[in-house]
C-alpha atoms as a PDB file:
ATOM      1  CA  UNK A   1       0.000   0.000   0.000  1.00  0.00           C
ATOM      2  CA  UNK A   2       1.116   3.509  -0.760  1.00  0.00           C
ATOM      3  CA  UNK A   3       1.310   6.301   1.758  1.00  0.00           C
ATOM      4  CA  UNK A   4      -0.688   9.409   0.993  1.00  0.00           C
ATOM      5  CA  UNK A   5       1.237  12.637   0.464  1.00  0.00           C
ATOM      6  CA  UNK A   6       0.241  16.117  -0.572  1.00  0.00           C
ATOM      7  CA  UNK A   7       2.494  17.771  -3.123  1.00  0.00           C
ATOM      8  CA  UNK A   8       5.301  19.731  -1.571  1.00  0.00           C
ATOM      9  CA  UNK A   9       4.593  22.867  -3.593  1.00  0.00           C
ATOM     10  CA  UNK A  10       1.173  23.340  -2.027  1.00  0.00           C
ATOM     11  CA  UNK A  11       1.989  22.763   1.623  1.00  0.00           C
ATOM     12  CA  UNK A  12       4.773  21.944   3.978  1.00  0.00           C
ATOM     13  CA  UNK A  13       2.615  19.400   5.759  1.00  0.00           C
ATOM     14  CA  UNK A  14       2.652  15.797   4.708  1.00  0.00           C
ATOM     15  CA  UNK A  15      -0.531  13.923   5.093  1.00  0.00           C
ATOM     16  CA  UNK A  16      -0.384  11.561   8.024  1.00  0.00           C
ATOM     17  CA  UNK A  17      -0.631   7.851   7.543  1.00  0.00           C
ATOM     18  CA  UNK A  18      -4.119   6.597   8.095  1.00  0.00           C
ATOM     19  CA  UNK A  19      -5.457   3.503   9.644  1.00  0.00           C
ATOM     20  CA  UNK A  20      -8.716   1.819   8.761  1.00  0.00           C
ATOM     21  CA  UNK A  21     -12.161   3.233   9.276  1.00  0.00           C
ATOM     22  CA  UNK A  22     -13.915   2.322  12.486  1.00  0.00           C
ATOM     23  CA  UNK A  23     -16.592  -0.358  12.481  1.00  0.00           C
ATOM     24  CA  UNK A  24     -19.292   2.336  12.275  1.00  0.00           C
ATOM     25  CA  UNK A  25     -18.004   3.333   8.833  1.00  0.00           C
ATOM     26  CA  UNK A  26     -16.630   6.657  10.036  1.00  0.00           C
ATOM     27  CA  UNK A  27     -13.017   7.532   9.346  1.00  0.00           C
ATOM     28  CA  UNK A  28     -10.727   7.145  12.341  1.00  0.00           C
ATOM     29  CA  UNK A  29      -8.775  10.149  13.686  1.00  0.00           C
ATOM     30  CA  UNK A  30      -5.872   9.767  11.248  1.00  0.00           C
ATOM     31  CA  UNK A  31      -8.214   9.474   8.260  1.00  0.00           C
ATOM     32  CA  UNK A  32     -10.202  12.458   9.496  1.00  0.00           C
ATOM     33  CA  UNK A  33      -7.034  14.544   9.753  1.00  0.00           C
ATOM     34  CA  UNK A  34      -6.023  13.485   6.255  1.00  0.00           C
ATOM     35  CA  UNK A  35      -9.447  14.423   4.925  1.00  0.00           C
ATOM     36  CA  UNK A  36      -9.285  17.796   6.677  1.00  0.00           C
ATOM     37  CA  UNK A  37      -5.874  18.475   5.133  1.00  0.00           C
ATOM     38  CA  UNK A  38      -7.127  17.487   1.658  1.00  0.00           C
ATOM     39  CA  UNK A  39     -10.187  19.668   2.211  1.00  0.00           C
ATOM     40  CA  UNK A  40      -8.074  22.724   3.154  1.00  0.00           C
ATOM     41  CA  UNK A  41      -5.717  22.303   0.200  1.00  0.00           C
ATOM     42  CA  UNK A  42      -8.110  21.178  -2.553  1.00  0.00           C
ATOM     43  CA  UNK A  43     -11.469  22.810  -1.769  1.00  0.00           C
ATOM     44  CA  UNK A  44     -10.922  26.108  -3.614  1.00  0.00           C
ATOM     45  CA  UNK A  45      -9.564  24.415  -6.734  1.00  0.00           C
ATOM     46  CA  UNK A  46     -12.420  21.927  -6.720  1.00  0.00           C
ATOM     47  CA  UNK A  47     -14.988  24.714  -6.432  1.00  0.00           C
ATOM     48  CA  UNK A  48     -13.349  26.619  -9.313  1.00  0.00           C
ATOM     49  CA  UNK A  49     -13.498  23.430 -11.402  1.00  0.00           C
ATOM     50  CA  UNK A  50     -17.176  22.953 -10.574  1.00  0.00           C
ATOM     51  CA  UNK A  51     -18.093  26.634 -11.089  1.00  0.00           C
ATOM     52  CA  UNK A  52     -16.844  26.432 -14.655  1.00  0.00           C
ATOM     53  CA  UNK A  53     -19.175  23.517 -15.318  1.00  0.00           C
ATOM     54  CA  UNK A  54     -22.323  24.084 -13.249  1.00  0.00           C
ATOM     55  CA  UNK A  55     -22.146  27.719 -12.145  1.00  0.00           C
ATOM     56  CA  UNK A  56     -21.582  29.220  -8.714  1.00  0.00           C
ATOM     57  CA  UNK A  57     -25.004  28.241  -7.328  1.00  0.00           C
ATOM     58  CA  UNK A  58     -24.425  24.489  -7.461  1.00  0.00           C
ATOM     59  CA  UNK A  59     -20.629  24.373  -7.170  1.00  0.00           C
ATOM     60  CA  UNK A  60     -20.467  24.472  -3.357  1.00  0.00           C
ATOM     61  CA  UNK A  61     -23.210  21.862  -2.969  1.00  0.00           C
ATOM     62  CA  UNK A  62     -21.497  19.464  -5.347  1.00  0.00           C
ATOM     63  CA  UNK A  63     -18.114  20.098  -3.677  1.00  0.00           C
ATOM     64  CA  UNK A  64     -19.631  19.115  -0.345  1.00  0.00           C
ATOM     65  CA  UNK A  65     -21.002  15.930  -1.912  1.00  0.00           C
ATOM     66  CA  UNK A  66     -17.528  15.205  -3.333  1.00  0.00           C
ATOM     67  CA  UNK A  67     -15.922  15.425   0.115  1.00  0.00           C
ATOM     68  CA  UNK A  68     -18.709  13.355   1.648  1.00  0.00           C
ATOM     69  CA  UNK A  69     -18.073  10.584  -0.862  1.00  0.00           C
ATOM     70  CA  UNK A  70     -14.329  10.895  -0.362  1.00  0.00           C
ATOM     71  CA  UNK A  71     -14.764  10.521   3.403  1.00  0.00           C
ATOM     72  CA  UNK A  72     -16.628   7.246   2.983  1.00  0.00           C
ATOM     73  CA  UNK A  73     -14.375   5.854   0.269  1.00  0.00           C
ATOM     74  CA  UNK A  74     -12.161   2.859   1.082  1.00  0.00           C
ATOM     75  CA  UNK A  75      -9.525   4.412  -1.215  1.00  0.00           C
ATOM     76  CA  UNK A  76      -9.055   7.343   1.192  1.00  0.00           C
ATOM     77  CA  UNK A  77      -6.285   5.520   3.043  1.00  0.00           C
ATOM     78  CA  UNK A  78      -4.206   4.904  -0.098  1.00  0.00           C
ATOM     79  CA  UNK A  79      -4.398   8.162  -2.061  1.00  0.00           C
ATOM     80  CA  UNK A  80      -1.366   9.220  -4.071  1.00  0.00           C
ATOM     81  CA  UNK A  81      -3.092  12.055  -5.938  1.00  0.00           C
ATOM     82  CA  UNK A  82      -5.832  13.540  -3.730  1.00  0.00           C
ATOM     83  CA  UNK A  83      -6.701  16.241  -6.268  1.00  0.00           C
ATOM     84  CA  UNK A  84      -7.182  13.691  -9.070  1.00  0.00           C
ATOM     85  CA  UNK A  85      -9.274  11.555  -6.742  1.00  0.00           C
ATOM     86  CA  UNK A  86     -11.568  14.493  -5.891  1.00  0.00           C
ATOM     87  CA  UNK A  87     -11.838  15.538  -9.555  1.00  0.00           C
ATOM     88  CA  UNK A  88     -12.761  11.976 -10.514  1.00  0.00           C
ATOM     89  CA  UNK A  89     -15.556  11.960  -7.918  1.00  0.00           C
ATOM     90  CA  UNK A  90     -16.692  15.413  -9.115  1.00  0.00           C
ATOM     91  CA  UNK A  91     -16.810  14.291 -12.763  1.00  0.00           C
ATOM     92  CA  UNK A  92     -18.815  11.208 -11.820  1.00  0.00           C
ATOM     93  CA  UNK A  93     -21.298  13.363  -9.887  1.00  0.00           C
ATOM     94  CA  UNK A  94     -21.619  15.725 -12.865  1.00  0.00           C
ATOM     95  CA  UNK A  95     -22.240  12.781 -15.211  1.00  0.00           C
ATOM     96  CA  UNK A  96     -24.891  11.369 -12.847  1.00  0.00           C
ATOM     97  CA  UNK A  97     -26.574  14.793 -12.633  1.00  0.00           C
ATOM     98  CA  UNK A  98     -26.582  15.113 -16.433  1.00  0.00           C
ATOM     99  CA  UNK A  99     -28.154  11.661 -16.779  1.00  0.00           C
ATOM    100  CA  UNK A 100     -30.832  12.511 -14.237  1.00  0.00           C
ATOM    101  CA  UNK A 101     -31.514  15.765 -16.092  1.00  0.00           C
ATOM    102  CA  UNK A 102     -32.041  13.867 -19.358  1.00  0.00           C
ATOM    103  CA  UNK A 103     -34.499  11.499 -17.701  1.00  0.00           C
ATOM    104  CA  UNK A 104     -36.450  14.230 -15.941  1.00  0.00           C
ATOM    105  CA  UNK A 105     -40.110  14.536 -16.856  1.00  0.00           C
ATOM    106  CA  UNK A 106     -41.029  18.098 -17.682  1.00  0.00           C
ATOM    107  CA  UNK A 107     -44.433  19.216 -16.529  1.00  0.00           C
ATOM    108  CA  UNK A 108     -46.062  22.317 -17.895  1.00  0.00           C
ATOM    109  CA  UNK A 109     -48.542  24.472 -16.020  1.00  0.00           C
ATOM    110  CA  UNK A 110     -52.183  24.107 -16.954  1.00  0.00           C
ATOM    111  CA  UNK A 111     -53.302  26.671 -19.490  1.00  0.00           C
ATOM    112  CA  UNK A 112     -57.062  26.993 -19.007  1.00  0.00           C
ATOM    113  CA  UNK A 113     -57.668  28.398 -22.480  1.00  0.00           C
ATOM    114  CA  UNK A 114     -55.684  25.658 -24.196  1.00  0.00           C
ATOM    115  CA  UNK A 115     -56.171  22.686 -21.877  1.00  0.00           C
ATOM    116  CA  UNK A 116     -59.753  23.137 -20.692  1.00  0.00           C
ATOM    117  CA  UNK A 117     -61.760  19.949 -20.595  1.00  0.00           C
ATOM    118  CA  UNK A 118     -63.715  19.561 -23.786  1.00  0.00           C
ATOM    119  CA  UNK A 119     -66.770  17.465 -24.171  1.00  0.00           C
ATOM    120  CA  UNK A 120     -66.538  14.177 -25.985  1.00  0.00           C
ATOM    121  CA  UNK A 121     -68.358  15.374 -29.088  1.00  0.00           C
ATOM    122  CA  UNK A 122     -68.520  12.021 -30.849  1.00  0.00           C
ATOM    123  CA  UNK A 123     -69.909  10.315 -27.761  1.00  0.00           C
ATOM    124  CA  UNK A 124     -72.565  13.008 -27.347  1.00  0.00           C
ATOM    125  CA  UNK A 125     -73.550  12.676 -31.002  1.00  0.00           C
ATOM    126  CA  UNK A 126     -73.958   8.913 -30.631  1.00  0.00           C
ATOM    127  CA  UNK A 127     -76.051   9.357 -27.470  1.00  0.00           C
ATOM    128  CA  UNK A 128     -78.215  12.000 -29.162  1.00  0.00           C
ATOM    129  CA  UNK A 129     -78.742   9.750 -32.187  1.00  0.00           C
ATOM    130  CA  UNK A 130     -79.714   6.841 -29.928  1.00  0.00           C
ATOM    131  CA  UNK A 131     -82.106   9.073 -27.997  1.00  0.00           C
ATOM    132  CA  UNK A 132     -83.772  10.324 -31.201  1.00  0.00           C
ATOM    133  CA  UNK A 133     -84.186   6.751 -32.462  1.00  0.00           C
ATOM    134  CA  UNK A 134     -85.726   5.703 -29.131  1.00  0.00           C
ATOM    135  CA  UNK A 135     -88.101   8.689 -29.246  1.00  0.00           C
ATOM    136  CA  UNK A 136     -89.148   7.883 -32.829  1.00  0.00           C
ATOM    137  CA  UNK A 137     -89.753   4.249 -31.857  1.00  0.00           C
ATOM    138  CA  UNK A 138     -91.855   5.347 -28.875  1.00  0.00           C
ATOM    139  CA  UNK A 139     -93.875   7.744 -31.038  1.00  0.00           C
ATOM    140  CA  UNK A 140     -94.683   4.993 -33.555  1.00  0.00           C
ATOM    141  CA  UNK A 141     -96.081   2.896 -30.715  1.00  0.00           C
ATOM    142  CA  UNK A 142     -98.612   5.616 -29.781  1.00  0.00           C
ATOM    143  CA  UNK A 143    -102.133   5.684 -31.211  1.00  0.00           C
ATOM    144  CA  UNK A 144    -102.383   8.060 -34.181  1.00  0.00           C
ATOM    145  CA  UNK A 145    -104.493  10.744 -32.432  1.00  0.00           C
ATOM    146  CA  UNK A 146    -102.199  10.784 -29.348  1.00  0.00           C
ATOM    147  CA  UNK A 147     -99.102  10.970 -31.568  1.00  0.00           C
ATOM    148  CA  UNK A 148    -100.574  13.833 -33.609  1.00  0.00           C
ATOM    149  CA  UNK A 149    -101.422  15.888 -30.502  1.00  0.00           C
ATOM    150  CA  UNK A 150     -97.969  15.278 -29.012  1.00  0.00           C
ATOM    151  CA  UNK A 151     -96.182  16.311 -32.252  1.00  0.00           C
ATOM    152  CA  UNK A 152     -98.369  19.423 -32.598  1.00  0.00           C
ATOM    153  CA  UNK A 153     -97.599  20.531 -29.065  1.00  0.00           C
ATOM    154  CA  UNK A 154     -93.917  19.544 -28.677  1.00  0.00           C
ATOM    155  CA  UNK A 155     -92.524  19.889 -32.205  1.00  0.00           C
ATOM    156  CA  UNK A 156     -94.868  22.425 -33.825  1.00  0.00           C
ATOM    157  CA  UNK A 157     -95.042  24.377 -30.516  1.00  0.00           C
ATOM    158  CA  UNK A 158     -98.808  24.792 -30.634  1.00  0.00           C
ATOM    159  CA  UNK A 159    -100.703  25.680 -27.478  1.00  0.00           C
ATOM    160  CA  UNK A 160    -103.390  23.321 -26.150  1.00  0.00           C
ATOM    161  CA  UNK A 161    -106.078  25.827 -27.158  1.00  0.00           C
ATOM    162  CA  UNK A 162    -104.824  25.910 -30.784  1.00  0.00           C
ATOM    163  CA  UNK A 163    -104.677  22.085 -30.947  1.00  0.00           C
ATOM    164  CA  UNK A 164    -108.257  21.945 -29.629  1.00  0.00           C
ATOM    165  CA  UNK A 165    -109.496  24.212 -32.430  1.00  0.00           C
ATOM    166  CA  UNK A 166    -107.365  22.514 -35.106  1.00  0.00           C
ATOM    167  CA  UNK A 167    -108.669  19.022 -34.277  1.00  0.00           C
ATOM    168  CA  UNK A 168    -112.108  20.144 -33.058  1.00  0.00           C
ATOM    169  CA  UNK A 169    -111.831  18.294 -29.726  1.00  0.00           C
ATOM    170  CA  UNK A 170    -112.261  19.330 -26.106  1.00  0.00           C
ATOM    171  CA  UNK A 171    -109.524  20.783 -23.964  1.00  0.00           C
ATOM    172  CA  UNK A 172    -109.825  17.737 -21.650  1.00  0.00           C
ATOM    173  CA  UNK A 173    -109.165  15.440 -24.633  1.00  0.00           C
ATOM    174  CA  UNK A 174    -105.992  17.371 -25.539  1.00  0.00           C
ATOM    175  CA  UNK A 175    -104.764  17.120 -21.930  1.00  0.00           C
ATOM    176  CA  UNK A 176    -105.621  13.394 -21.780  1.00  0.00           C
ATOM    177  CA  UNK A 177    -103.704  12.564 -24.983  1.00  0.00           C
ATOM    178  CA  UNK A 178    -100.688  14.668 -23.878  1.00  0.00           C
ATOM    179  CA  UNK A 179    -100.532  12.882 -20.497  1.00  0.00           C
ATOM    180  CA  UNK A 180    -100.861   9.529 -22.225  1.00  0.00           C
ATOM    181  CA  UNK A 181     -98.080  10.409 -24.714  1.00  0.00           C
ATOM    182  CA  UNK A 182     -95.722  11.798 -22.031  1.00  0.00           C
ATOM    183  CA  UNK A 183     -96.236   8.753 -19.816  1.00  0.00           C
ATOM    184  CA  UNK A 184     -95.542   6.324 -22.664  1.00  0.00           C
ATOM    185  CA  UNK A 185     -92.460   8.258 -23.857  1.00  0.00           C
ATOM    186  CA  UNK A 186     -91.058   8.574 -20.332  1.00  0.00           C
ATOM    187  CA  UNK A 187     -91.300   4.792 -19.875  1.00  0.00           C
ATOM    188  CA  UNK A 188     -89.884   4.044 -23.332  1.00  0.00           C
ATOM    189  CA  UNK A 189     -86.936   6.418 -22.950  1.00  0.00           C
ATOM    190  CA  UNK A 190     -86.304   5.266 -19.392  1.00  0.00           C
ATOM    191  CA  UNK A 191     -85.809   1.726 -20.673  1.00  0.00           C
ATOM    192  CA  UNK A 192     -83.630   2.951 -23.552  1.00  0.00           C
ATOM    193  CA  UNK A 193     -81.322   4.985 -21.339  1.00  0.00           C
END
């Protein structure tokens, strides 16, 4: 195994030798000191590297993630090039972020004018056609006089009084035939719907 050293040009301190991580997964004191030394010497350069790729807003957050991953890495005890190690972690994080960005689902806000619920026109046309056919079938089942009075009132929009004079029947007869027609149609359409 190699001992970890920081380049002489950057600092007069050599990184101490590290032992293994404790059983809890945390670095022991020597590893923590090494990580602190790497952090002091490499943080600014790492942030500059990240700023050039993701901007200043995300650079510090990603740098923190880089050091978190470095702290939990089993390679921490055998680093020869700490800067290269941190840059490798940073590049991997940037690649992962780019992949997540490509897979992200973009949702757009609801535009009421464009996205308003529209009625199912074809379905309504089919229902209307079926209803008209059922009404026509029900009308053909009525006696001729009852059917004539119903059509005069509902389709020709004639008042009861006008129907009475047109057919020369009593007002009670007009009312009787209309009730009979409405009752029959209500039953026939109720079964059809």
